Every structure is written in structure tokens, then in C-alpha cells.
Amino acid sequence: PPTGTLSCSKCEQPPRAGEALRTCSGCSIAKYCSRACQKADYAEHRVVCETFAATRNRAQRSLVNAATRGCLPEVAALMAAGAG
């Protein structure tokens, strides 16, 4: 599981000097020092990743639907909640 932004979610090592941790493109939460760590963590991380990604996608769809309907109070509430 993610241990924070200062260390790799798999090996828990900080990034090498001059390098940044790579962010999981699925959930944008897990951070990895290398592709190898990301691949090694996938089986365990997959469930969490898919849950976060699905939640984010639902929130974004809700935002688009509210904007399409012209419901500005709902758009404002969704944006405040981080749906954008």
C-alpha cells in the first residue's frame, strides 16, 4: 500500500538523488521508484487502484453531466469536492 509521497509504495525507498517517484496512472496515489517496483506491486495494488480510478471516473462523469445540464450549484459542489 502507498506509504506516502516520500518513498516507493513497493520497496519503501526514497527516490534516487535527482529523480522523482513515478505516480501510478490508474489511481494517481501510489508512487514508485521504478517500473520494476510498479510491476512487482501490481497484484496487491490492483484492487485499490481500480477502486480509486472508478471513484474518480464516477466523480468526473457527475461533473460533466451537471455541467451539461447547466446546474451550476452542483458543478460548484462537485468541484469543491475535488471532482475536477
PDB file of N, CA and C in Angstrom:
ATOM      1  N   PRO A   1       0.823  -1.202   0.000  1.00  0.00           N
ATOM      2  CA  PRO A   1       0.000   0.000   0.000  1.00  0.00           C
ATOM      3  C   PRO A   1       0.860   1.257   0.000  1.00  0.00           C
ATOM      4  N   PRO A   2       0.302   2.349  -0.488  1.00  0.00           N
ATOM      5  CA  PRO A   2       1.074   3.581  -0.518  1.00  0.00           C
ATOM      6  C   PRO A   2       1.537   3.973   0.876  1.00  0.00           C
ATOM      7  N   THR A   3       2.787   4.373   1.005  1.00  0.00           N
ATOM      8  CA  THR A   3       3.326   4.773   2.298  1.00  0.00           C
ATOM      9  C   THR A   3       3.563   6.272   2.349  1.00  0.00           C
ATOM     10  N   GLY A   4       3.088   6.996   1.378  1.00  0.00           N
ATOM     11  CA  GLY A   4       3.294   8.435   1.324  1.00  0.00           C
ATOM     12  C   GLY A   4       4.047   8.813   0.066  1.00  0.00           C
ATOM     13  N   THR A   5       4.220  10.082  -0.136  1.00  0.00           N
ATOM     14  CA  THR A   5       4.843  10.546  -1.363  1.00  0.00           C
ATOM     15  C   THR A   5       6.363  10.589  -1.268  1.00  0.00           C
ATOM     16  N   LEU A   6       6.932  10.296  -0.084  1.00  0.00           N
ATOM     17  CA  LEU A   6       8.367  10.404   0.075  1.00  0.00           C
ATOM     18  C   LEU A   6       9.102   9.097  -0.154  1.00  0.00           C
ATOM     19  N   SER A   7       8.354   8.009  -0.337  1.00  0.00           N
ATOM     20  CA  SER A   7       9.010   6.722  -0.568  1.00  0.00           C
ATOM     21  C   SER A   7       8.188   5.878  -1.536  1.00  0.00           C
ATOM     22  N   CYS A   8       8.849   4.911  -2.116  1.00  0.00           N
ATOM     23  CA  CYS A   8       8.221   3.999  -3.071  1.00  0.00           C
ATOM     24  C   CYS A   8       7.157   3.158  -2.373  1.00  0.00           C
ATOM     25  N   SER A   9       6.015   2.999  -3.010  1.00  0.00           N
ATOM     26  CA  SER A   9       4.920   2.212  -2.440  1.00  0.00           C
ATOM     27  C   SER A   9       5.266   0.738  -2.301  1.00  0.00           C
ATOM     28  N   LYS A  10       6.221   0.253  -3.065  1.00  0.00           N
ATOM     29  CA  LYS A  10       6.607  -1.159  -3.007  1.00  0.00           C
ATOM     30  C   LYS A  10       7.812  -1.379  -2.093  1.00  0.00           C
ATOM     31  N   CYS A  11       8.932  -0.758  -2.397  1.00  0.00           N
ATOM     32  CA  CYS A  11      10.172  -1.032  -1.646  1.00  0.00           C
ATOM     33  C   CYS A  11      10.402  -0.056  -0.493  1.00  0.00           C
ATOM     34  N   GLU A  12       9.595   0.987  -0.435  1.00  0.00           N
ATOM     35  CA  GLU A  12       9.650   1.999   0.624  1.00  0.00           C
ATOM     36  C   GLU A  12      10.949   2.798   0.657  1.00  0.00           C
ATOM     37  N   GLN A  13      11.695   2.761  -0.445  1.00  0.00           N
ATOM     38  CA  GLN A  13      12.927   3.539  -0.543  1.00  0.00           C
ATOM     39  C   GLN A  13      12.606   4.933  -1.080  1.00  0.00           C
ATOM     40  N   PRO A  14      13.354   5.946  -0.659  1.00  0.00           N
ATOM     41  CA  PRO A  14      13.151   7.279  -1.230  1.00  0.00           C
ATOM     42  C   PRO A  14      13.663   7.285  -2.671  1.00  0.00           C
ATOM     43  N   PRO A  15      13.269   8.265  -3.458  1.00  0.00           N
ATOM     44  CA  PRO A  15      13.769   8.332  -4.833  1.00  0.00           C
ATOM     45  C   PRO A  15      15.268   8.597  -4.836  1.00  0.00           C
ATOM     46  N   ARG A  16      15.926   8.165  -5.901  1.00  0.00           N
ATOM     47  CA  ARG A  16      17.352   8.433  -6.059  1.00  0.00           C
ATOM     48  C   ARG A  16      17.562   9.937  -6.221  1.00  0.00           C
ATOM     49  N   ALA A  17      18.730  10.381  -5.886  1.00  0.00           N
ATOM     50  CA  ALA A  17      19.063  11.804  -5.996  1.00  0.00           C
ATOM     51  C   ALA A  17      18.781  12.305  -7.405  1.00  0.00           C
ATOM     52  N   GLY A  18      18.073  13.400  -7.500  1.00  0.00           N
ATOM     53  CA  GLY A  18      17.768  13.998  -8.786  1.00  0.00           C
ATOM     54  C   GLY A  18      16.614  13.360  -9.529  1.00  0.00           C
ATOM     55  N   GLU A  19      15.990  12.338  -8.950  1.00  0.00           N
ATOM     56  CA  GLU A  19      14.872  11.661  -9.606  1.00  0.00           C
ATOM     57  C   GLU A  19      13.612  11.808  -8.765  1.00  0.00           C
ATOM     58  N   ALA A  20      12.480  11.762  -9.431  1.00  0.00           N
ATOM     59  CA  ALA A  20      11.194  11.823  -8.749  1.00  0.00           C
ATOM     60  C   ALA A  20      10.543  10.444  -8.780  1.00  0.00           C
ATOM     61  N   LEU A  21       9.681  10.189  -7.823  1.00  0.00           N
ATOM     62  CA  LEU A  21       8.917   8.948  -7.850  1.00  0.00           C
ATOM     63  C   LEU A  21       7.901   9.022  -8.976  1.00  0.00           C
ATOM     64  N   ARG A  22       7.613   7.898  -9.579  1.00  0.00           N
ATOM     65  CA  ARG A  22       6.610   7.820 -10.651  1.00  0.00           C
ATOM     66  C   ARG A  22       5.244   7.578 -10.016  1.00  0.00           C
ATOM     67  N   THR A  23       4.249   8.300 -10.482  1.00  0.00           N
ATOM     68  CA  THR A  23       2.896   8.171  -9.953  1.00  0.00           C
ATOM     69  C   THR A  23       2.114   7.163 -10.784  1.00  0.00           C
ATOM     70  N   CYS A  24       1.363   6.298 -10.116  1.00  0.00           N
ATOM     71  CA  CYS A  24       0.505   5.334 -10.814  1.00  0.00           C
ATOM     72  C   CYS A  24      -0.509   6.098 -11.668  1.00  0.00           C
ATOM     73  N   SER A  25      -0.586   5.779 -12.933  1.00  0.00           N
ATOM     74  CA  SER A  25      -1.509   6.492 -13.822  1.00  0.00           C
ATOM     75  C   SER A  25      -2.952   6.061 -13.620  1.00  0.00           C
ATOM     76  N   GLY A  26      -3.177   4.945 -12.962  1.00  0.00           N
ATOM     77  CA  GLY A  26      -4.537   4.482 -12.720  1.00  0.00           C
ATOM     78  C   GLY A  26      -5.221   5.227 -11.592  1.00  0.00           C
ATOM     79  N   CYS A  27      -4.554   5.324 -10.448  1.00  0.00           N
ATOM     80  CA  CYS A  27      -5.191   5.921  -9.263  1.00  0.00           C
ATOM     81  C   CYS A  27      -4.583   7.264  -8.879  1.00  0.00           C
ATOM     82  N   SER A  28      -3.408   7.564  -9.368  1.00  0.00           N
ATOM     83  CA  SER A  28      -2.682   8.797  -9.042  1.00  0.00           C
ATOM     84  C   SER A  28      -2.340   8.899  -7.558  1.00  0.00           C
ATOM     85  N   ILE A  29      -2.298   7.773  -6.874  1.00  0.00           N
ATOM     86  CA  ILE A  29      -1.997   7.779  -5.446  1.00  0.00           C
ATOM     87  C   ILE A  29      -0.677   7.071  -5.155  1.00  0.00           C
ATOM     88  N   ALA A  30      -0.520   5.859  -5.660  1.00  0.00           N
ATOM     89  CA  ALA A  30       0.702   5.101  -5.405  1.00  0.00           C
ATOM     90  C   ALA A  30       1.874   5.742  -6.141  1.00  0.00           C
ATOM     91  N   LYS A  31       3.043   5.694  -5.521  1.00  0.00           N
ATOM     92  CA  LYS A  31       4.276   6.250  -6.094  1.00  0.00           C
ATOM     93  C   LYS A  31       5.311   5.140  -6.149  1.00  0.00           C
ATOM     94  N   TYR A  32       6.078   5.106  -7.238  1.00  0.00           N
ATOM     95  CA  TYR A  32       7.072   4.049  -7.425  1.00  0.00           C
ATOM     96  C   TYR A  32       8.408   4.633  -7.855  1.00  0.00           C
ATOM     97  N   CYS A  33       9.481   3.969  -7.390  1.00  0.00           N
ATOM     98  CA  CYS A  33      10.825   4.413  -7.759  1.00  0.00           C
ATOM     99  C   CYS A  33      11.228   3.867  -9.125  1.00  0.00           C
ATOM    100  N   SER A  34      10.545   2.799  -9.576  1.00  0.00           N
ATOM    101  CA  SER A  34      10.910   2.199 -10.866  1.00  0.00           C
ATOM    102  C   SER A  34       9.730   1.429 -11.445  1.00  0.00           C
ATOM    103  N   ARG A  35       9.829   1.145 -12.717  1.00  0.00           N
ATOM    104  CA  ARG A  35       8.813   0.314 -13.385  1.00  0.00           C
ATOM    105  C   ARG A  35       8.803  -1.079 -12.758  1.00  0.00           C
ATOM    106  N   ALA A  36       9.971  -1.572 -12.372  1.00  0.00           N
ATOM    107  CA  ALA A  36      10.062  -2.903 -11.759  1.00  0.00           C
ATOM    108  C   ALA A  36       9.266  -2.957 -10.455  1.00  0.00           C
ATOM    109  N   CYS A  37       9.366  -1.918  -9.622  1.00  0.00           N
ATOM    110  CA  CYS A  37       8.593  -1.890  -8.370  1.00  0.00           C
ATOM    111  C   CYS A  37       7.095  -1.798  -8.666  1.00  0.00           C
ATOM    112  N   GLN A  38       6.727  -1.007  -9.668  1.00  0.00           N
ATOM    113  CA  GLN A  38       5.316  -0.886 -10.019  1.00  0.00           C
ATOM    114  C   GLN A  38       4.765  -2.233 -10.468  1.00  0.00           C
ATOM    115  N   LYS A  39       5.503  -2.941 -11.306  1.00  0.00           N
ATOM    116  CA  LYS A  39       5.056  -4.251 -11.782  1.00  0.00           C
ATOM    117  C   LYS A  39       4.987  -5.259 -10.636  1.00  0.00           C
ATOM    118  N   ALA A  40       5.974  -5.220  -9.737  1.00  0.00           N
ATOM    119  CA  ALA A  40       6.003  -6.156  -8.611  1.00  0.00           C
ATOM    120  C   ALA A  40       4.847  -5.910  -7.647  1.00  0.00           C
ATOM    121  N   ASP A  41       4.371  -4.681  -7.570  1.00  0.00           N
ATOM    122  CA  ASP A  41       3.296  -4.324  -6.641  1.00  0.00           C
ATOM    123  C   ASP A  41       1.908  -4.483  -7.250  1.00  0.00           C
ATOM    124  N   TYR A  42       1.822  -4.689  -8.558  1.00  0.00           N
ATOM    125  CA  TYR A  42       0.539  -4.635  -9.244  1.00  0.00           C
ATOM    126  C   TYR A  42      -0.510  -5.591  -8.685  1.00  0.00           C
ATOM    127  N   ALA A  43      -0.154  -6.822  -8.420  1.00  0.00           N
ATOM    128  CA  ALA A  43      -1.145  -7.795  -7.940  1.00  0.00           C
ATOM    129  C   ALA A  43      -1.809  -7.311  -6.659  1.00  0.00           C
ATOM    130  N   GLU A  44      -1.028  -6.750  -5.761  1.00  0.00           N
ATOM    131  CA  GLU A  44      -1.581  -6.253  -4.496  1.00  0.00           C
ATOM    132  C   GLU A  44      -2.269  -4.902  -4.682  1.00  0.00           C
ATOM    133  N   HIS A  45      -1.680  -4.046  -5.485  1.00  0.00           N
ATOM    134  CA  HIS A  45      -2.182  -2.676  -5.658  1.00  0.00           C
ATOM    135  C   HIS A  45      -3.430  -2.611  -6.551  1.00  0.00           C
ATOM    136  N   ARG A  46      -3.623  -3.587  -7.390  1.00  0.00           N
ATOM    137  CA  ARG A  46      -4.672  -3.555  -8.415  1.00  0.00           C
ATOM    138  C   ARG A  46      -6.057  -3.241  -7.860  1.00  0.00           C
ATOM    139  N   VAL A  47      -6.461  -3.898  -6.798  1.00  0.00           N
ATOM    140  CA  VAL A  47      -7.797  -3.691  -6.241  1.00  0.00           C
ATOM    141  C   VAL A  47      -7.967  -2.256  -5.765  1.00  0.00           C
ATOM    142  N   VAL A  48      -6.985  -1.754  -5.044  1.00  0.00           N
ATOM    143  CA  VAL A  48      -7.039  -0.378  -4.555  1.00  0.00           C
ATOM    144  C   VAL A  48      -7.046   0.589  -5.735  1.00  0.00           C
ATOM    145  N   CYS A  49      -6.183   0.336  -6.697  1.00  0.00           N
ATOM    146  CA  CYS A  49      -6.066   1.195  -7.872  1.00  0.00           C
ATOM    147  C   CYS A  49      -7.381   1.281  -8.630  1.00  0.00           C
ATOM    148  N   GLU A  50      -7.978   0.140  -8.911  1.00  0.00           N
ATOM    149  CA  GLU A  50      -9.232   0.115  -9.667  1.00  0.00           C
ATOM    150  C   GLU A  50     -10.348   0.806  -8.903  1.00  0.00           C
ATOM    151  N   THR A  51     -10.366   0.673  -7.583  1.00  0.00           N
ATOM    152  CA  THR A  51     -11.388   1.336  -6.765  1.00  0.00           C
ATOM    153  C   THR A  51     -11.236   2.848  -6.842  1.00  0.00           C
ATOM    154  N   PHE A  52     -10.009   3.338  -6.670  1.00  0.00           N
ATOM    155  CA  PHE A  52      -9.778   4.783  -6.748  1.00  0.00           C
ATOM    156  C   PHE A  52     -10.069   5.310  -8.142  1.00  0.00           C
ATOM    157  N   ALA A  53      -9.644   4.594  -9.166  1.00  0.00           N
ATOM    158  CA  ALA A  53      -9.877   5.030 -10.541  1.00  0.00           C
ATOM    159  C   ALA A  53     -11.365   5.085 -10.842  1.00  0.00           C
ATOM    160  N   ALA A  54     -12.119   4.073 -10.405  1.00  0.00           N
ATOM    161  CA  ALA A  54     -13.568   4.049 -10.647  1.00  0.00           C
ATOM    162  C   ALA A  54     -14.255   5.200  -9.929  1.00  0.00           C
ATOM    163  N   THR A  55     -13.830   5.472  -8.698  1.00  0.00           N
ATOM    164  CA  THR A  55     -14.410   6.583  -7.938  1.00  0.00           C
ATOM    165  C   THR A  55     -14.145   7.900  -8.639  1.00  0.00           C
ATOM    166  N   ARG A  56     -12.899   8.083  -9.104  1.00  0.00           N
ATOM    167  CA  ARG A  56     -12.542   9.315  -9.808  1.00  0.00           C
ATOM    168  C   ARG A  56     -13.351   9.449 -11.096  1.00  0.00           C
ATOM    169  N   ASN A  57     -13.503   8.352 -11.837  1.00  0.00           N
ATOM    170  CA  ASN A  57     -14.250   8.394 -13.092  1.00  0.00           C
ATOM    171  C   ASN A  57     -15.716   8.729 -12.852  1.00  0.00           C
ATOM    172  N   ARG A  58     -16.315   8.160 -11.794  1.00  0.00           N
ATOM    173  CA  ARG A  58     -17.716   8.479 -11.475  1.00  0.00           C
ATOM    174  C   ARG A  58     -17.868   9.953 -11.139  1.00  0.00           C
ATOM    175  N   ALA A  59     -16.927  10.479 -10.353  1.00  0.00           N
ATOM    176  CA  ALA A  59     -16.983  11.888  -9.972  1.00  0.00           C
ATOM    177  C   ALA A  59     -16.846  12.780 -11.200  1.00  0.00           C
ATOM    178  N   GLN A  60     -15.952  12.429 -12.111  1.00  0.00           N
ATOM    179  CA  GLN A  60     -15.777  13.226 -13.320  1.00  0.00           C
ATOM    180  C   GLN A  60     -17.012  13.156 -14.211  1.00  0.00           C
ATOM    181  N   ARG A  61     -17.627  11.970 -14.319  1.00  0.00           N
ATOM    182  CA  ARG A  61     -18.858  11.855 -15.115  1.00  0.00           C
ATOM    183  C   ARG A  61     -19.968  12.702 -14.505  1.00  0.00           C
ATOM    184  N   SER A  62     -20.065  12.696 -13.172  1.00  0.00           N
ATOM    185  CA  SER A  62     -21.078  13.510 -12.494  1.00  0.00           C
ATOM    186  C   SER A  62     -20.856  14.987 -12.787  1.00  0.00           C
ATOM    187  N   LEU A  63     -19.605  15.399 -12.786  1.00  0.00           N
ATOM    188  CA  LEU A  63     -19.285  16.790 -13.070  1.00  0.00           C
ATOM    189  C   LEU A  63     -19.679  17.161 -14.490  1.00  0.00           C
ATOM    190  N   VAL A  64     -19.337  16.326 -15.449  1.00  0.00           N
ATOM    191  CA  VAL A  64     -19.687  16.587 -16.847  1.00  0.00           C
ATOM    192  C   VAL A  64     -21.202  16.633 -17.018  1.00  0.00           C
ATOM    193  N   ASN A  65     -21.911  15.688 -16.408  1.00  0.00           N
ATOM    194  CA  ASN A  65     -23.373  15.667 -16.512  1.00  0.00           C
ATOM    195  C   ASN A  65     -23.985  16.926 -15.920  1.00  0.00           C
ATOM    196  N   ALA A  66     -23.514  17.365 -14.767  1.00  0.00           N
ATOM    197  CA  ALA A  66     -24.041  18.577 -14.133  1.00  0.00           C
ATOM    198  C   ALA A  66     -23.768  19.793 -15.006  1.00  0.00           C
ATOM    199  N   ALA A  67     -22.577  19.862 -15.583  1.00  0.00           N
ATOM    200  CA  ALA A  67     -22.238  20.994 -16.446  1.00  0.00           C
ATOM    201  C   ALA A  67     -23.096  20.990 -17.700  1.00  0.00           C
ATOM    202  N   THR A  68     -23.332  19.812 -18.266  1.00  0.00           N
ATOM    203  CA  THR A  68     -24.157  19.703 -19.468  1.00  0.00           C
ATOM    204  C   THR A  68     -25.590  20.159 -19.196  1.00  0.00           C
ATOM    205  N   ARG A  69     -26.080  19.841 -18.008  1.00  0.00           N
ATOM    206  CA  ARG A  69     -27.440  20.253 -17.630  1.00  0.00           C
ATOM    207  C   ARG A  69     -27.494  21.721 -17.221  1.00  0.00           C
ATOM    208  N   GLY A  70     -26.348  22.357 -17.053  1.00  0.00           N
ATOM    209  CA  GLY A  70     -26.304  23.757 -16.645  1.00  0.00           C
ATOM    210  C   GLY A  70     -26.591  23.958 -15.173  1.00  0.00           C
ATOM    211  N   CYS A  71     -26.369  22.948 -14.367  1.00  0.00           N
ATOM    212  CA  CYS A  71     -26.649  23.013 -12.936  1.00  0.00           C
ATOM    213  C   CYS A  71     -25.407  23.536 -12.203  1.00  0.00           C
ATOM    214  N   LEU A  72     -25.265  24.857 -12.173  1.00  0.00           N
ATOM    215  CA  LEU A  72     -24.067  25.468 -11.619  1.00  0.00           C
ATOM    216  C   LEU A  72     -23.838  25.177 -10.139  1.00  0.00           C
ATOM    217  N   PRO A  73     -24.878  25.142  -9.288  1.00  0.00           N
ATOM    218  CA  PRO A  73     -24.616  24.799  -7.885  1.00  0.00           C
ATOM    219  C   PRO A  73     -24.034  23.379  -7.729  1.00  0.00           C
ATOM    220  N   GLU A  74     -24.516  22.447  -8.524  1.00  0.00           N
ATOM    221  CA  GLU A  74     -23.992  21.083  -8.464  1.00  0.00           C
ATOM    222  C   GLU A  74     -22.550  21.045  -8.986  1.00  0.00           C
ATOM    223  N   VAL A  75     -22.274  21.780 -10.057  1.00  0.00           N
ATOM    224  CA  VAL A  75     -20.912  21.860 -10.579  1.00  0.00           C
ATOM    225  C   VAL A  75     -19.973  22.422  -9.514  1.00  0.00           C
ATOM    226  N   ALA A  76     -20.392  23.498  -8.859  1.00  0.00           N
ATOM    227  CA  ALA A  76     -19.569  24.117  -7.815  1.00  0.00           C
ATOM    228  C   ALA A  76     -19.320  23.135  -6.668  1.00  0.00           C
ATOM    229  N   ALA A  77     -20.341  22.404  -6.252  1.00  0.00           N
ATOM    230  CA  ALA A  77     -20.187  21.436  -5.167  1.00  0.00           C
ATOM    231  C   ALA A  77     -19.246  20.304  -5.564  1.00  0.00           C
ATOM    232  N   LEU A  78     -19.381  19.812  -6.787  1.00  0.00           N
ATOM    233  CA  LEU A  78     -18.504  18.737  -7.252  1.00  0.00           C
ATOM    234  C   LEU A  78     -17.058  19.217  -7.380  1.00  0.00           C
ATOM    235  N   MET A  79     -16.870  20.433  -7.856  1.00  0.00           N
ATOM    236  CA  MET A  79     -15.519  20.986  -7.969  1.00  0.00           C
ATOM    237  C   MET A  79     -14.903  21.163  -6.578  1.00  0.00           C
ATOM    238  N   ALA A  80     -15.700  21.646  -5.628  1.00  0.00           N
ATOM    239  CA  ALA A  80     -15.204  21.813  -4.271  1.00  0.00           C
ATOM    240  C   ALA A  80     -14.820  20.480  -3.640  1.00  0.00           C
ATOM    241  N   ALA A  81     -15.512  19.417  -4.052  1.00  0.00           N
ATOM    242  CA  ALA A  81     -15.230  18.092  -3.527  1.00  0.00           C
ATOM    243  C   ALA A  81     -14.064  17.422  -4.262  1.00  0.00           C
ATOM    244  N   GLY A  82     -13.524  18.065  -5.272  1.00  0.00           N
ATOM    245  CA  GLY A  82     -12.362  17.534  -5.964  1.00  0.00           C
ATOM    246  C   GLY A  82     -12.678  16.696  -7.183  1.00  0.00           C
ATOM    247  N   ALA A  83     -13.867  16.817  -7.750  1.00  0.00           N
ATOM    248  CA  ALA A  83     -14.243  16.011  -8.912  1.00  0.00           C
ATOM    249  C   ALA A  83     -13.548  16.450 -10.190  1.00  0.00           C
ATOM    250  N   GLY A  84     -13.017  17.653 -10.215  1.00  0.00           N
ATOM    251  CA  GLY A  84     -12.402  18.177 -11.435  1.00  0.00           C
ATOM    252  C   GLY A  84     -11.079  17.641 -11.620  1.00  0.00           C
TER     253      GLY A  84
END
